[in-house]
Amino acid sequence: SSIAILLDTLRSSVVSTAGDTNLEVAIRVVASLANHTLVNGHPTTLVYFDEATKSLRTDRALGDFTPILDGLARLTPSSMKPADLVAAAGASLPRHSNLIVILLSPDQEAMEQILKRRSQGTEVMLVLADKYGARSRTKDPPWLTAMLGMFENAGINTIMVAPGDDIQASLSRNVRSPVRIRL
């Protein structure tokens, strides 16, 4: 099956913590996930907003990691809101693609778009390159706990990765078989 990795690059969400930005953390997450999917034979597409051309970029890779690395090397913070990215990408991706969405911070509108995509039958995983880090939950927006509960009920695995975290360990520890509930 094909995998699409959507990367939020919203400029106003980029925050520096512990020497790294959450965008740099997100880029490392993309590289790790794309490497894993390609090694396991899944066609993989990196989707992000290209600020220079003001358009959605889709860098497709089939076995060769180079198109994904090239896309990540060109990446700059953008003006596209995460909810708009998820909606726009949804229209351009095959209906049965598996979707991995990487957000720089919790975004209610984007997460609602992700739930919508899941209700249409797409397998989805969410990675939050959380600007506060998973260990500092008190700073989360008040709606986030309820939203994460809806994600769990919908069978959407959510992983929080923070600057300073071991990306491989965080992804390995958090990836689990989600409970499947039809929406």
C-alpha atoms as a PDB file:
ATOM      1  CA  SER A   1       0.000   0.000   0.000  1.00  0.00           C
ATOM      2  CA  SER A   2       1.107   3.557  -0.548  1.00  0.00           C
ATOM      3  CA  ILE A   3       2.003   5.944   2.251  1.00  0.00           C
ATOM      4  CA  ALA A   4       1.569   9.715   2.221  1.00  0.00           C
ATOM      5  CA  ILE A   5       3.430  11.784   4.805  1.00  0.00           C
ATOM      6  CA  LEU A   6       1.960  15.270   5.257  1.00  0.00           C
ATOM      7  CA  LEU A   7       4.318  17.725   6.912  1.00  0.00           C
ATOM      8  CA  ASP A   8       3.037  20.901   8.549  1.00  0.00           C
ATOM      9  CA  THR A   9       5.560  23.728   8.064  1.00  0.00           C
ATOM     10  CA  LEU A  10       3.513  26.705   9.306  1.00  0.00           C
ATOM     11  CA  ARG A  11       5.953  29.506  10.089  1.00  0.00           C
ATOM     12  CA  SER A  12       4.083  30.730  13.206  1.00  0.00           C
ATOM     13  CA  SER A  13       4.202  27.210  14.719  1.00  0.00           C
ATOM     14  CA  VAL A  14       7.988  26.863  14.475  1.00  0.00           C
ATOM     15  CA  VAL A  15       9.414  27.118  17.984  1.00  0.00           C
ATOM     16  CA  SER A  16      12.948  26.587  19.253  1.00  0.00           C
ATOM     17  CA  THR A  17      13.297  24.325  22.280  1.00  0.00           C
ATOM     18  CA  ALA A  18      16.444  22.733  23.680  1.00  0.00           C
ATOM     19  CA  GLY A  19      18.580  23.894  20.737  1.00  0.00           C
ATOM     20  CA  ASP A  20      16.330  22.440  18.022  1.00  0.00           C
ATOM     21  CA  THR A  21      13.154  23.718  16.467  1.00  0.00           C
ATOM     22  CA  ASN A  22      10.078  21.558  16.346  1.00  0.00           C
ATOM     23  CA  LEU A  23      10.390  21.759  12.532  1.00  0.00           C
ATOM     24  CA  GLU A  24      13.841  20.152  12.734  1.00  0.00           C
ATOM     25  CA  VAL A  25      12.363  17.429  14.950  1.00  0.00           C
ATOM     26  CA  ALA A  26       9.525  16.938  12.439  1.00  0.00           C
ATOM     27  CA  ILE A  27      12.022  16.662   9.561  1.00  0.00           C
ATOM     28  CA  ARG A  28      13.914  13.926  11.434  1.00  0.00           C
ATOM     29  CA  VAL A  29      10.604  12.139  12.058  1.00  0.00           C
ATOM     30  CA  VAL A  30       9.765  12.310   8.338  1.00  0.00           C
ATOM     31  CA  ALA A  31      13.174  10.950   7.384  1.00  0.00           C
ATOM     32  CA  SER A  32      12.865   8.099   9.858  1.00  0.00           C
ATOM     33  CA  LEU A  33       9.317   7.167   8.827  1.00  0.00           C
ATOM     34  CA  ALA A  34      10.028   7.471   5.103  1.00  0.00           C
ATOM     35  CA  ASN A  35      13.116   5.314   5.418  1.00  0.00           C
ATOM     36  CA  HIS A  36      11.080   2.671   7.249  1.00  0.00           C
ATOM     37  CA  THR A  37       8.226   2.682   4.722  1.00  0.00           C
ATOM     38  CA  LEU A  38      10.546   2.582   1.699  1.00  0.00           C
ATOM     39  CA  VAL A  39      12.711  -0.217   3.141  1.00  0.00           C
ATOM     40  CA  ASN A  40       9.494  -2.185   3.619  1.00  0.00           C
ATOM     41  CA  GLY A  41       8.484  -1.693  -0.029  1.00  0.00           C
ATOM     42  CA  HIS A  42       5.780   0.960   0.327  1.00  0.00           C
ATOM     43  CA  PRO A  43       5.637   3.759  -2.263  1.00  0.00           C
ATOM     44  CA  THR A  44       5.961   6.912  -0.159  1.00  0.00           C
ATOM     45  CA  THR A  45       4.983  10.500  -0.902  1.00  0.00           C
ATOM     46  CA  LEU A  46       6.084  13.528   1.095  1.00  0.00           C
ATOM     47  CA  VAL A  47       3.482  16.309   0.926  1.00  0.00           C
ATOM     48  CA  TYR A  48       4.170  19.856   2.105  1.00  0.00           C
ATOM     49  CA  PHE A  49       3.527  23.449   1.087  1.00  0.00           C
ATOM     50  CA  ASP A  50       6.344  24.979  -0.952  1.00  0.00           C
ATOM     51  CA  GLU A  51       6.474  28.628   0.047  1.00  0.00           C
ATOM     52  CA  ALA A  52       8.662  29.602  -2.925  1.00  0.00           C
ATOM     53  CA  THR A  53       6.129  28.423  -5.519  1.00  0.00           C
ATOM     54  CA  LYS A  54       3.044  28.864  -3.294  1.00  0.00           C
ATOM     55  CA  SER A  55       1.947  25.338  -4.180  1.00  0.00           C
ATOM     56  CA  LEU A  56       1.525  21.919  -2.677  1.00  0.00           C
ATOM     57  CA  ARG A  57       4.584  19.715  -3.284  1.00  0.00           C
ATOM     58  CA  THR A  58       4.358  15.970  -3.595  1.00  0.00           C
ATOM     59  CA  ASP A  59       7.750  14.293  -3.638  1.00  0.00           C
ATOM     60  CA  ARG A  60       7.163  10.634  -4.544  1.00  0.00           C
ATOM     61  CA  ALA A  61       9.627   7.877  -3.803  1.00  0.00           C
ATOM     62  CA  LEU A  62       9.567   4.227  -4.761  1.00  0.00           C
ATOM     63  CA  GLY A  63      12.440   2.349  -3.163  1.00  0.00           C
ATOM     64  CA  ASP A  64      14.863   5.269  -3.552  1.00  0.00           C
ATOM     65  CA  PHE A  65      15.028   7.631  -0.566  1.00  0.00           C
ATOM     66  CA  THR A  66      16.539  10.496  -2.624  1.00  0.00           C
ATOM     67  CA  PRO A  67      13.284  12.314  -3.615  1.00  0.00           C
ATOM     68  CA  ILE A  68      12.249  12.519   0.044  1.00  0.00           C
ATOM     69  CA  LEU A  69      15.678  13.766   1.146  1.00  0.00           C
ATOM     70  CA  ASP A  70      15.676  16.351  -1.654  1.00  0.00           C
ATOM     71  CA  GLY A  71      12.260  17.593  -0.547  1.00  0.00           C
ATOM     72  CA  LEU A  72      13.353  17.821   3.084  1.00  0.00           C
ATOM     73  CA  ALA A  73      16.498  19.739   2.069  1.00  0.00           C
ATOM     74  CA  ARG A  74      14.402  22.345   0.198  1.00  0.00           C
ATOM     75  CA  LEU A  75      11.867  22.752   2.968  1.00  0.00           C
ATOM     76  CA  THR A  76      11.296  26.162   4.541  1.00  0.00           C
ATOM     77  CA  PRO A  77       8.655  27.396   6.974  1.00  0.00           C
ATOM     78  CA  SER A  78       5.462  28.298   5.121  1.00  0.00           C
ATOM     79  CA  SER A  79       2.269  30.315   5.338  1.00  0.00           C
ATOM     80  CA  MET A  80      -0.141  27.391   4.827  1.00  0.00           C
ATOM     81  CA  LYS A  81      -2.304  26.481   7.808  1.00  0.00           C
ATOM     82  CA  PRO A  82      -2.188  22.792   8.750  1.00  0.00           C
ATOM     83  CA  ALA A  83      -5.954  22.348   8.235  1.00  0.00           C
ATOM     84  CA  ASP A  84      -5.621  23.697   4.693  1.00  0.00           C
ATOM     85  CA  LEU A  85      -2.698  21.333   4.058  1.00  0.00           C
ATOM     86  CA  VAL A  86      -4.694  18.287   5.191  1.00  0.00           C
ATOM     87  CA  ALA A  87      -7.732  19.342   3.121  1.00  0.00           C
ATOM     88  CA  ALA A  88      -5.684  20.122  -0.009  1.00  0.00           C
ATOM     89  CA  ALA A  89      -3.633  16.939   0.258  1.00  0.00           C
ATOM     90  CA  GLY A  90      -6.756  14.878   0.762  1.00  0.00           C
ATOM     91  CA  ALA A  91      -8.019  15.909  -2.645  1.00  0.00           C
ATOM     92  CA  SER A  92      -4.782  14.954  -4.401  1.00  0.00           C
ATOM     93  CA  LEU A  93      -4.010  11.601  -2.736  1.00  0.00           C
ATOM     94  CA  PRO A  94      -5.403   8.220  -3.691  1.00  0.00           C
ATOM     95  CA  ARG A  95      -8.426   7.380  -1.525  1.00  0.00           C
ATOM     96  CA  HIS A  96      -6.828   4.274  -0.036  1.00  0.00           C
ATOM     97  CA  SER A  97      -3.430   5.753   0.778  1.00  0.00           C
ATOM     98  CA  ASN A  98      -2.268   5.362   4.341  1.00  0.00           C
ATOM     99  CA  LEU A  99      -1.718   8.790   5.806  1.00  0.00           C
ATOM    100  CA  ILE A 100       0.842  10.016   8.328  1.00  0.00           C
ATOM    101  CA  VAL A 101       0.297  13.624   9.390  1.00  0.00           C
ATOM    102  CA  ILE A 102       3.058  15.475  11.214  1.00  0.00           C
ATOM    103  CA  LEU A 103       1.937  18.654  12.973  1.00  0.00           C
ATOM    104  CA  LEU A 104       4.319  21.138  14.555  1.00  0.00           C
ATOM    105  CA  SER A 105       1.840  21.810  17.355  1.00  0.00           C
ATOM    106  CA  PRO A 106      -1.724  20.793  18.233  1.00  0.00           C
ATOM    107  CA  ASP A 107      -4.163  22.379  15.771  1.00  0.00           C
ATOM    108  CA  GLN A 108      -7.866  21.777  16.303  1.00  0.00           C
ATOM    109  CA  GLU A 109      -8.945  22.506  12.711  1.00  0.00           C
ATOM    110  CA  ALA A 110      -6.251  20.237  11.271  1.00  0.00           C
ATOM    111  CA  MET A 111      -7.143  17.468  13.689  1.00  0.00           C
ATOM    112  CA  GLU A 112     -10.805  17.768  12.681  1.00  0.00           C
ATOM    113  CA  GLN A 113      -9.726  17.395   9.029  1.00  0.00           C
ATOM    114  CA  ILE A 114      -7.737  14.288  10.007  1.00  0.00           C
ATOM    115  CA  LEU A 115     -10.824  12.803  11.694  1.00  0.00           C
ATOM    116  CA  LYS A 116     -12.814  13.539   8.543  1.00  0.00           C
ATOM    117  CA  ARG A 117     -10.230  11.750   6.398  1.00  0.00           C
ATOM    118  CA  ARG A 118     -10.328   8.765   8.782  1.00  0.00           C
ATOM    119  CA  SER A 119     -14.139   8.641   8.565  1.00  0.00           C
ATOM    120  CA  GLN A 120     -13.726   8.306   4.781  1.00  0.00           C
ATOM    121  CA  GLY A 121     -11.776   5.081   5.299  1.00  0.00           C
ATOM    122  CA  THR A 122      -8.167   6.289   5.267  1.00  0.00           C
ATOM    123  CA  GLU A 123      -5.781   4.705   7.760  1.00  0.00           C
ATOM    124  CA  VAL A 124      -4.174   7.610   9.627  1.00  0.00           C
ATOM    125  CA  MET A 125      -1.389   8.190  12.120  1.00  0.00           C
ATOM    126  CA  LEU A 126      -0.649  11.551  13.743  1.00  0.00           C
ATOM    127  CA  VAL A 127       2.744  12.705  14.994  1.00  0.00           C
ATOM    128  CA  LEU A 128       2.884  15.888  17.061  1.00  0.00           C
ATOM    129  CA  ALA A 129       6.304  17.524  17.073  1.00  0.00           C
ATOM    130  CA  ASP A 130       4.934  19.208  20.180  1.00  0.00           C
ATOM    131  CA  LYS A 131       6.510  22.552  21.006  1.00  0.00           C
ATOM    132  CA  TYR A 132       6.107  21.847  24.738  1.00  0.00           C
ATOM    133  CA  GLY A 133       7.139  18.210  24.677  1.00  0.00           C
ATOM    134  CA  ALA A 134       5.106  15.244  25.842  1.00  0.00           C
ATOM    135  CA  ARG A 135       6.392  15.724  29.384  1.00  0.00           C
ATOM    136  CA  SER A 136       4.768  19.137  29.750  1.00  0.00           C
ATOM    137  CA  ARG A 137       1.089  18.337  29.227  1.00  0.00           C
ATOM    138  CA  THR A 138      -0.141  21.207  31.414  1.00  0.00           C
ATOM    139  CA  LYS A 139       0.459  23.663  28.560  1.00  0.00           C
ATOM    140  CA  ASP A 140      -1.766  21.785  26.103  1.00  0.00           C
ATOM    141  CA  PRO A 141      -4.892  23.530  24.874  1.00  0.00           C
ATOM    142  CA  PRO A 142      -8.021  22.517  26.826  1.00  0.00           C
ATOM    143  CA  TRP A 143      -9.638  20.778  23.824  1.00  0.00           C
ATOM    144  CA  LEU A 144      -6.654  18.507  23.117  1.00  0.00           C
ATOM    145  CA  THR A 145      -7.449  15.742  25.642  1.00  0.00           C
ATOM    146  CA  ALA A 146     -10.962  15.270  24.227  1.00  0.00           C
ATOM    147  CA  MET A 147      -9.624  15.355  20.663  1.00  0.00           C
ATOM    148  CA  LEU A 148      -6.984  12.720  21.437  1.00  0.00           C
ATOM    149  CA  GLY A 149      -9.750  10.564  22.929  1.00  0.00           C
ATOM    150  CA  MET A 150     -11.695  10.871  19.670  1.00  0.00           C
ATOM    151  CA  PHE A 151      -8.539   9.914  17.761  1.00  0.00           C
ATOM    152  CA  GLU A 152      -8.095   6.810  19.896  1.00  0.00           C
ATOM    153  CA  ASN A 153     -11.741   5.824  19.396  1.00  0.00           C
ATOM    154  CA  ALA A 154     -11.345   6.310  15.642  1.00  0.00           C
ATOM    155  CA  GLY A 155      -8.247   4.085  15.580  1.00  0.00           C
ATOM    156  CA  ILE A 156      -5.792   6.916  14.927  1.00  0.00           C
ATOM    157  CA  ASN A 157      -2.443   6.347  16.616  1.00  0.00           C
ATOM    158  CA  THR A 158      -0.991   9.589  17.986  1.00  0.00           C
ATOM    159  CA  ILE A 159       2.671   9.998  18.857  1.00  0.00           C
ATOM    160  CA  MET A 160       4.224  13.023  20.560  1.00  0.00           C
ATOM    161  CA  VAL A 161       7.881  13.706  19.891  1.00  0.00           C
ATOM    162  CA  ALA A 162       9.789  16.581  21.438  1.00  0.00           C
ATOM    163  CA  PRO A 163      13.199  18.159  20.904  1.00  0.00           C
ATOM    164  CA  GLY A 164      15.807  16.041  22.636  1.00  0.00           C
ATOM    165  CA  ASP A 165      13.796  12.824  22.258  1.00  0.00           C
ATOM    166  CA  ASP A 166      15.335   9.799  20.591  1.00  0.00           C
ATOM    167  CA  ILE A 167      13.172   9.743  17.428  1.00  0.00           C
ATOM    168  CA  GLN A 168      13.566   5.998  16.778  1.00  0.00           C
ATOM    169  CA  ALA A 169      12.763   5.112  20.380  1.00  0.00           C
ATOM    170  CA  SER A 170       9.753   7.464  20.485  1.00  0.00           C
ATOM    171  CA  LEU A 171       8.296   6.061  17.281  1.00  0.00           C
ATOM    172  CA  SER A 172       8.972   2.441  18.287  1.00  0.00           C
ATOM    173  CA  ARG A 173       7.578   2.864  21.782  1.00  0.00           C
ATOM    174  CA  ASN A 174       4.413   4.598  20.658  1.00  0.00           C
ATOM    175  CA  VAL A 175       3.453   2.646  17.556  1.00  0.00           C
ATOM    176  CA  ARG A 176       0.802   0.149  18.558  1.00  0.00           C
ATOM    177  CA  SER A 177      -2.162  -1.594  17.026  1.00  0.00           C
ATOM    178  CA  PRO A 178      -5.006   0.872  17.541  1.00  0.00           C
ATOM    179  CA  VAL A 179      -8.529  -0.107  18.494  1.00  0.00           C
ATOM    180  CA  ARG A 180     -10.711   0.043  15.384  1.00  0.00           C
ATOM    181  CA  ILE A 181     -14.086   1.719  15.761  1.00  0.00           C
ATOM    182  CA  ARG A 182     -16.183   2.671  12.736  1.00  0.00           C
ATOM    183  CA  LEU A 183     -17.123   6.315  12.520  1.00  0.00           C
END
